[in-house]
Amino acid sequence: DVQLQASGGGSVLSGGSLRLFCAASGFTFGSGAMSWARRAPGKGPEWVSLVRGGDGKEYYVDSVKGRFAISGDNAKNSLYLEMHTLRPDDSAVYYCATDQERIWPTGETIVVQTPVGLVGYWGRGTQVTVSS
């Protein structure tokens, strides 16, 4: 059973910080890209950040540059997202995603475009709520 379990969300005031954590099981990150995506109520899924497994290069959507930091631990098959200076428009359900299309669960995967290709996520995600 392939799973991506995101956790660490919560409710914070504007300007606050959170650290999200993603545990992958049933597959290994390897040299693939791992990503965070989010979906706010009434909006489509949005790619947030990505780290390439091969060279560790990081990518961020413009709205989070300088505030968020992505990191991965291949040995632990884990992905993290440090979020600082949070704003109300960061409120969303956050998901971790993988570019390993061969493992995407059929009929359950939400596919998101990133600067380096497509990533897919599934499951419940973790809720981040930022209030002003």
N, C-alpha and C. Protein backbone atom coordinates (compact mmCIF):
# COMPACT_ATOMS: atom_id res chain seq x y z
N ASP A 1 0.85 -1.18 0.00
CA ASP A 1 0.00 0.00 0.00
C ASP A 1 0.90 1.24 0.00
N VAL A 2 0.76 2.08 -1.00
CA VAL A 2 1.57 3.28 -1.12
C VAL A 2 0.86 4.43 -0.40
N GLN A 3 1.58 5.06 0.50
CA GLN A 3 0.98 6.14 1.26
C GLN A 3 1.90 7.34 1.37
N LEU A 4 1.29 8.51 1.42
CA LEU A 4 1.96 9.77 1.74
C LEU A 4 1.18 10.39 2.88
N GLN A 5 1.77 10.42 4.06
CA GLN A 5 1.07 10.89 5.26
C GLN A 5 1.64 12.24 5.65
N ALA A 6 0.85 13.29 5.45
CA ALA A 6 1.26 14.63 5.83
C ALA A 6 0.73 14.96 7.22
N SER A 7 1.54 15.66 8.01
CA SER A 7 1.12 16.05 9.35
C SER A 7 1.83 17.34 9.73
N GLY A 8 1.48 17.88 10.89
CA GLY A 8 2.15 19.08 11.38
C GLY A 8 1.37 20.36 11.19
N GLY A 9 0.24 20.29 10.54
CA GLY A 9 -0.57 21.48 10.35
C GLY A 9 -1.19 21.94 11.66
N GLY A 10 -1.85 23.09 11.60
CA GLY A 10 -2.49 23.63 12.79
C GLY A 10 -3.02 25.01 12.53
N SER A 11 -3.43 25.67 13.60
CA SER A 11 -3.96 27.03 13.52
C SER A 11 -2.97 27.98 14.15
N VAL A 12 -2.58 29.01 13.41
CA VAL A 12 -1.63 30.00 13.92
C VAL A 12 -2.10 31.39 13.54
N LEU A 13 -1.53 32.37 14.22
CA LEU A 13 -1.80 33.76 13.87
C LEU A 13 -0.89 34.19 12.73
N SER A 14 -1.31 35.19 12.02
CA SER A 14 -0.51 35.73 10.94
C SER A 14 0.89 36.09 11.47
N GLY A 15 1.91 35.68 10.71
CA GLY A 15 3.29 35.89 11.15
C GLY A 15 3.89 34.70 11.86
N GLY A 16 3.07 33.71 12.16
CA GLY A 16 3.52 32.53 12.86
C GLY A 16 4.24 31.54 11.97
N SER A 17 4.65 30.42 12.57
CA SER A 17 5.42 29.40 11.86
C SER A 17 4.83 28.02 12.13
N LEU A 18 5.03 27.15 11.17
CA LEU A 18 4.69 25.74 11.30
C LEU A 18 5.70 24.90 10.55
N ARG A 19 5.83 23.67 10.94
CA ARG A 19 6.71 22.72 10.24
C ARG A 19 5.87 21.51 9.86
N LEU A 20 5.76 21.28 8.58
CA LEU A 20 5.01 20.14 8.10
C LEU A 20 5.94 18.97 7.87
N PHE A 21 5.39 17.78 8.03
CA PHE A 21 6.15 16.55 7.90
C PHE A 21 5.38 15.58 7.02
N CYS A 22 6.10 14.87 6.18
CA CYS A 22 5.47 13.88 5.31
C CYS A 22 6.25 12.58 5.41
N ALA A 23 5.55 11.52 5.72
CA ALA A 23 6.16 10.19 5.76
C ALA A 23 5.65 9.38 4.58
N ALA A 24 6.57 8.86 3.80
CA ALA A 24 6.20 8.04 2.65
C ALA A 24 6.38 6.57 3.01
N SER A 25 5.47 5.75 2.56
CA SER A 25 5.60 4.31 2.78
C SER A 25 5.14 3.57 1.54
N GLY A 26 5.70 2.41 1.32
CA GLY A 26 5.36 1.61 0.15
C GLY A 26 6.18 1.94 -1.08
N PHE A 27 7.02 2.98 -0.98
CA PHE A 27 7.94 3.31 -2.06
C PHE A 27 9.06 4.15 -1.46
N THR A 28 10.13 4.36 -2.21
CA THR A 28 11.24 5.18 -1.73
C THR A 28 11.39 6.41 -2.60
N PHE A 29 11.84 7.49 -1.98
CA PHE A 29 12.01 8.73 -2.72
C PHE A 29 12.99 8.54 -3.87
N GLY A 30 14.11 7.95 -3.58
CA GLY A 30 15.13 7.73 -4.57
C GLY A 30 15.57 9.03 -5.22
N SER A 31 15.73 9.00 -6.52
CA SER A 31 16.19 10.18 -7.25
C SER A 31 15.04 11.01 -7.76
N GLY A 32 13.83 10.65 -7.42
CA GLY A 32 12.67 11.39 -7.90
C GLY A 32 12.49 12.71 -7.19
N ALA A 33 11.56 13.49 -7.66
CA ALA A 33 11.24 14.77 -7.05
C ALA A 33 10.11 14.60 -6.06
N MET A 34 10.24 15.29 -4.93
CA MET A 34 9.18 15.32 -3.93
C MET A 34 8.71 16.76 -3.79
N SER A 35 7.45 16.91 -3.49
CA SER A 35 6.86 18.24 -3.56
C SER A 35 5.80 18.42 -2.49
N TRP A 36 5.50 19.67 -2.22
CA TRP A 36 4.34 20.03 -1.41
C TRP A 36 3.36 20.79 -2.31
N ALA A 37 2.09 20.46 -2.15
CA ALA A 37 1.03 21.17 -2.85
C ALA A 37 -0.02 21.55 -1.81
N ARG A 38 -0.90 22.46 -2.17
CA ARG A 38 -1.94 22.85 -1.23
C ARG A 38 -3.24 23.14 -1.99
N ARG A 39 -4.32 23.09 -1.25
CA ARG A 39 -5.61 23.39 -1.84
C ARG A 39 -6.43 24.17 -0.83
N ALA A 40 -6.78 25.38 -1.19
CA ALA A 40 -7.60 26.23 -0.34
C ALA A 40 -9.07 26.02 -0.71
N PRO A 41 -9.98 26.29 0.22
CA PRO A 41 -11.41 26.11 -0.07
C PRO A 41 -11.84 26.91 -1.30
N GLY A 42 -12.53 26.25 -2.21
CA GLY A 42 -13.05 26.92 -3.39
C GLY A 42 -12.02 27.17 -4.48
N LYS A 43 -10.80 26.68 -4.27
CA LYS A 43 -9.75 26.89 -5.27
C LYS A 43 -9.19 25.56 -5.75
N GLY A 44 -8.49 25.60 -6.86
CA GLY A 44 -7.86 24.40 -7.37
C GLY A 44 -6.56 24.12 -6.64
N PRO A 45 -5.99 22.93 -6.86
CA PRO A 45 -4.71 22.60 -6.22
C PRO A 45 -3.61 23.50 -6.73
N GLU A 46 -2.68 23.83 -5.85
CA GLU A 46 -1.58 24.72 -6.19
C GLU A 46 -0.27 24.08 -5.75
N TRP A 47 0.68 24.05 -6.66
CA TRP A 47 2.00 23.58 -6.30
C TRP A 47 2.66 24.64 -5.43
N VAL A 48 3.40 24.22 -4.38
CA VAL A 48 4.03 25.14 -3.44
C VAL A 48 5.55 25.07 -3.51
N SER A 49 6.10 23.87 -3.43
CA SER A 49 7.54 23.72 -3.38
C SER A 49 7.92 22.33 -3.85
N LEU A 50 9.16 22.20 -4.34
CA LEU A 50 9.65 20.92 -4.84
C LEU A 50 11.13 20.81 -4.60
N VAL A 51 11.59 19.61 -4.30
CA VAL A 51 13.02 19.33 -4.20
C VAL A 51 13.33 18.13 -5.08
N ARG A 52 14.37 18.28 -5.89
CA ARG A 52 14.77 17.18 -6.78
C ARG A 52 15.65 16.22 -6.02
N GLY A 53 15.36 14.93 -6.14
CA GLY A 53 16.12 13.94 -5.40
C GLY A 53 17.56 13.82 -5.88
N GLY A 54 17.79 14.01 -7.17
CA GLY A 54 19.13 13.80 -7.70
C GLY A 54 20.14 14.82 -7.22
N ASP A 55 19.80 16.12 -7.34
CA ASP A 55 20.76 17.15 -6.98
C ASP A 55 20.30 18.05 -5.84
N GLY A 56 19.11 17.79 -5.30
CA GLY A 56 18.63 18.58 -4.18
C GLY A 56 18.19 19.99 -4.53
N LYS A 57 18.08 20.29 -5.82
CA LYS A 57 17.68 21.65 -6.18
C LYS A 57 16.24 21.90 -5.73
N GLU A 58 16.02 23.11 -5.22
CA GLU A 58 14.73 23.46 -4.66
C GLU A 58 14.01 24.47 -5.56
N TYR A 59 12.70 24.37 -5.57
CA TYR A 59 11.85 25.28 -6.32
C TYR A 59 10.71 25.73 -5.41
N TYR A 60 10.30 26.99 -5.60
CA TYR A 60 9.21 27.53 -4.79
C TYR A 60 8.30 28.38 -5.67
N VAL A 61 7.02 28.32 -5.38
CA VAL A 61 6.09 29.25 -6.02
C VAL A 61 6.41 30.64 -5.49
N ASP A 62 6.24 31.65 -6.30
CA ASP A 62 6.67 33.00 -5.94
C ASP A 62 6.09 33.47 -4.60
N SER A 63 4.86 33.11 -4.32
CA SER A 63 4.19 33.63 -3.12
C SER A 63 4.81 33.13 -1.82
N VAL A 64 5.63 32.09 -1.86
CA VAL A 64 6.22 31.56 -0.62
C VAL A 64 7.74 31.71 -0.58
N LYS A 65 8.33 32.24 -1.63
CA LYS A 65 9.79 32.38 -1.66
C LYS A 65 10.26 33.26 -0.51
N GLY A 66 11.29 32.80 0.17
CA GLY A 66 11.83 33.55 1.30
C GLY A 66 11.12 33.27 2.61
N ARG A 67 10.00 32.56 2.56
CA ARG A 67 9.24 32.26 3.78
C ARG A 67 9.20 30.75 4.07
N PHE A 68 9.19 29.94 3.03
CA PHE A 68 9.10 28.49 3.19
C PHE A 68 10.43 27.85 2.80
N ALA A 69 10.72 26.70 3.40
CA ALA A 69 11.92 25.94 3.06
C ALA A 69 11.58 24.46 3.05
N ILE A 70 11.88 23.81 1.93
CA ILE A 70 11.61 22.38 1.78
C ILE A 70 12.90 21.60 2.02
N SER A 71 12.75 20.42 2.60
CA SER A 71 13.90 19.55 2.77
C SER A 71 13.42 18.10 2.79
N GLY A 72 14.33 17.22 2.44
CA GLY A 72 14.00 15.81 2.42
C GLY A 72 15.07 14.99 3.08
N ASP A 73 14.69 13.85 3.59
CA ASP A 73 15.63 12.92 4.22
C ASP A 73 15.39 11.56 3.56
N ASN A 74 16.23 11.24 2.59
CA ASN A 74 16.04 9.98 1.87
C ASN A 74 16.18 8.77 2.78
N ALA A 75 17.07 8.86 3.76
CA ALA A 75 17.29 7.73 4.67
C ALA A 75 16.02 7.42 5.47
N LYS A 76 15.27 8.46 5.78
CA LYS A 76 14.03 8.28 6.54
C LYS A 76 12.80 8.30 5.65
N ASN A 77 13.02 8.48 4.34
CA ASN A 77 11.88 8.56 3.41
C ASN A 77 10.88 9.60 3.86
N SER A 78 11.41 10.76 4.25
CA SER A 78 10.57 11.81 4.82
C SER A 78 10.81 13.13 4.10
N LEU A 79 9.80 13.96 4.14
CA LEU A 79 9.84 15.28 3.52
C LEU A 79 9.33 16.30 4.53
N TYR A 80 9.91 17.50 4.51
CA TYR A 80 9.55 18.53 5.47
C TYR A 80 9.26 19.84 4.74
N LEU A 81 8.48 20.69 5.40
CA LEU A 81 8.26 22.04 4.90
C LEU A 81 8.24 22.98 6.10
N GLU A 82 9.28 23.81 6.20
CA GLU A 82 9.32 24.85 7.22
C GLU A 82 8.59 26.06 6.67
N MET A 83 7.62 26.54 7.43
CA MET A 83 6.83 27.68 6.96
C MET A 83 6.93 28.80 8.00
N HIS A 84 7.37 29.96 7.56
CA HIS A 84 7.52 31.12 8.44
C HIS A 84 6.75 32.30 7.87
N THR A 85 6.55 33.29 8.73
CA THR A 85 5.82 34.50 8.34
C THR A 85 4.54 34.12 7.60
N LEU A 86 3.79 33.25 8.19
CA LEU A 86 2.57 32.76 7.56
C LEU A 86 1.54 33.86 7.43
N ARG A 87 0.77 33.76 6.36
CA ARG A 87 -0.26 34.76 6.04
C ARG A 87 -1.61 34.05 5.90
N PRO A 88 -2.69 34.77 6.05
CA PRO A 88 -4.01 34.14 5.88
C PRO A 88 -4.17 33.44 4.54
N ASP A 89 -3.55 33.96 3.49
CA ASP A 89 -3.71 33.32 2.18
C ASP A 89 -2.87 32.06 2.05
N ASP A 90 -2.12 31.69 3.08
CA ASP A 90 -1.45 30.39 3.11
C ASP A 90 -2.38 29.30 3.64
N SER A 91 -3.53 29.68 4.15
CA SER A 91 -4.47 28.71 4.71
C SER A 91 -4.95 27.75 3.63
N ALA A 92 -4.80 26.47 3.89
CA ALA A 92 -5.16 25.44 2.91
C ALA A 92 -4.90 24.08 3.53
N VAL A 93 -5.32 23.05 2.82
CA VAL A 93 -4.88 21.71 3.16
C VAL A 93 -3.61 21.44 2.36
N TYR A 94 -2.57 21.03 3.04
CA TYR A 94 -1.27 20.80 2.41
C TYR A 94 -1.06 19.30 2.22
N TYR A 95 -0.52 18.95 1.06
CA TYR A 95 -0.28 17.56 0.69
C TYR A 95 1.17 17.41 0.23
N CYS A 96 1.75 16.26 0.49
CA CYS A 96 3.02 15.95 -0.13
C CYS A 96 2.75 15.12 -1.39
N ALA A 97 3.62 15.28 -2.35
CA ALA A 97 3.39 14.71 -3.67
C ALA A 97 4.68 14.15 -4.24
N THR A 98 4.54 13.24 -5.17
CA THR A 98 5.69 12.60 -5.79
C THR A 98 5.54 12.60 -7.31
N ASP A 99 6.69 12.61 -7.99
CA ASP A 99 6.65 12.57 -9.46
C ASP A 99 6.71 11.14 -9.99
N GLN A 100 6.70 10.16 -9.10
CA GLN A 100 6.78 8.76 -9.53
C GLN A 100 5.39 8.30 -9.98
N GLU A 101 5.09 8.60 -11.21
CA GLU A 101 3.76 8.35 -11.75
C GLU A 101 3.34 6.89 -11.67
N ARG A 102 4.32 6.00 -11.73
CA ARG A 102 3.98 4.57 -11.75
C ARG A 102 3.30 4.12 -10.45
N ILE A 103 3.46 4.87 -9.37
CA ILE A 103 2.85 4.46 -8.11
C ILE A 103 1.60 5.24 -7.77
N TRP A 104 1.24 6.21 -8.58
CA TRP A 104 0.05 7.00 -8.28
C TRP A 104 -1.18 6.10 -8.26
N PRO A 105 -1.95 6.13 -7.17
CA PRO A 105 -3.17 5.32 -7.11
C PRO A 105 -4.18 5.77 -8.17
N THR A 106 -4.63 4.83 -8.93
CA THR A 106 -5.57 5.14 -10.01
C THR A 106 -6.89 5.65 -9.43
N GLY A 107 -7.34 6.76 -9.97
CA GLY A 107 -8.62 7.31 -9.55
C GLY A 107 -8.57 8.13 -8.29
N GLU A 108 -7.42 8.17 -7.62
CA GLU A 108 -7.32 8.91 -6.36
C GLU A 108 -6.34 10.07 -6.43
N THR A 109 -5.49 10.08 -7.42
CA THR A 109 -4.38 11.02 -7.46
C THR A 109 -4.80 12.33 -8.09
N ILE A 110 -4.42 13.41 -7.41
CA ILE A 110 -4.57 14.76 -7.95
C ILE A 110 -3.23 15.16 -8.54
N VAL A 111 -3.23 15.54 -9.79
CA VAL A 111 -1.98 15.84 -10.50
C VAL A 111 -1.81 17.36 -10.59
N VAL A 112 -0.59 17.80 -10.28
CA VAL A 112 -0.29 19.23 -10.25
C VAL A 112 0.95 19.49 -11.10
N GLN A 113 0.93 20.58 -11.83
CA GLN A 113 2.07 20.96 -12.66
C GLN A 113 3.09 21.72 -11.82
N THR A 114 4.36 21.35 -11.97
CA THR A 114 5.45 22.07 -11.30
C THR A 114 6.45 22.53 -12.36
N PRO A 115 7.44 23.34 -11.98
CA PRO A 115 8.43 23.78 -12.99
C PRO A 115 9.23 22.64 -13.62
N VAL A 116 9.25 21.47 -12.98
CA VAL A 116 10.06 20.37 -13.51
C VAL A 116 9.20 19.19 -13.93
N GLY A 117 7.92 19.38 -14.02
CA GLY A 117 7.03 18.32 -14.47
C GLY A 117 5.85 18.13 -13.55
N LEU A 118 5.18 16.99 -13.71
CA LEU A 118 3.98 16.71 -12.94
C LEU A 118 4.30 15.96 -11.66
N VAL A 119 3.55 16.29 -10.60
CA VAL A 119 3.59 15.52 -9.37
C VAL A 119 2.16 15.15 -9.02
N GLY A 120 2.01 14.10 -8.23
CA GLY A 120 0.67 13.66 -7.83
C GLY A 120 0.58 13.48 -6.33
N TYR A 121 -0.60 13.81 -5.78
CA TYR A 121 -0.82 13.58 -4.36
C TYR A 121 -2.16 12.89 -4.16
N TRP A 122 -2.32 12.28 -3.03
CA TRP A 122 -3.58 11.63 -2.65
C TRP A 122 -3.64 11.60 -1.13
N GLY A 123 -4.73 11.19 -0.60
CA GLY A 123 -4.87 11.11 0.85
C GLY A 123 -5.47 12.37 1.45
N ARG A 124 -5.36 12.49 2.78
CA ARG A 124 -6.08 13.55 3.49
C ARG A 124 -5.32 14.85 3.60
N GLY A 125 -4.04 14.87 3.60
CA GLY A 125 -3.30 16.11 3.79
C GLY A 125 -3.38 16.59 5.23
N THR A 126 -2.81 17.79 5.46
CA THR A 126 -2.83 18.38 6.78
C THR A 126 -3.30 19.83 6.67
N GLN A 127 -4.21 20.23 7.54
CA GLN A 127 -4.83 21.54 7.47
C GLN A 127 -3.96 22.61 8.10
N VAL A 128 -3.74 23.69 7.38
CA VAL A 128 -3.05 24.87 7.91
C VAL A 128 -4.05 26.03 7.88
N THR A 129 -4.25 26.64 9.03
CA THR A 129 -5.16 27.78 9.12
C THR A 129 -4.43 28.95 9.73
N VAL A 130 -4.37 30.05 9.01
CA VAL A 130 -3.69 31.25 9.47
C VAL A 130 -4.72 32.36 9.61
N SER A 131 -4.84 32.89 10.80
CA SER A 131 -5.82 33.94 11.04
C SER A 131 -5.10 35.26 11.30
N SER A 132 -5.76 36.33 10.92
CA SER A 132 -5.16 37.66 11.06
C SER A 132 -5.47 38.27 12.40
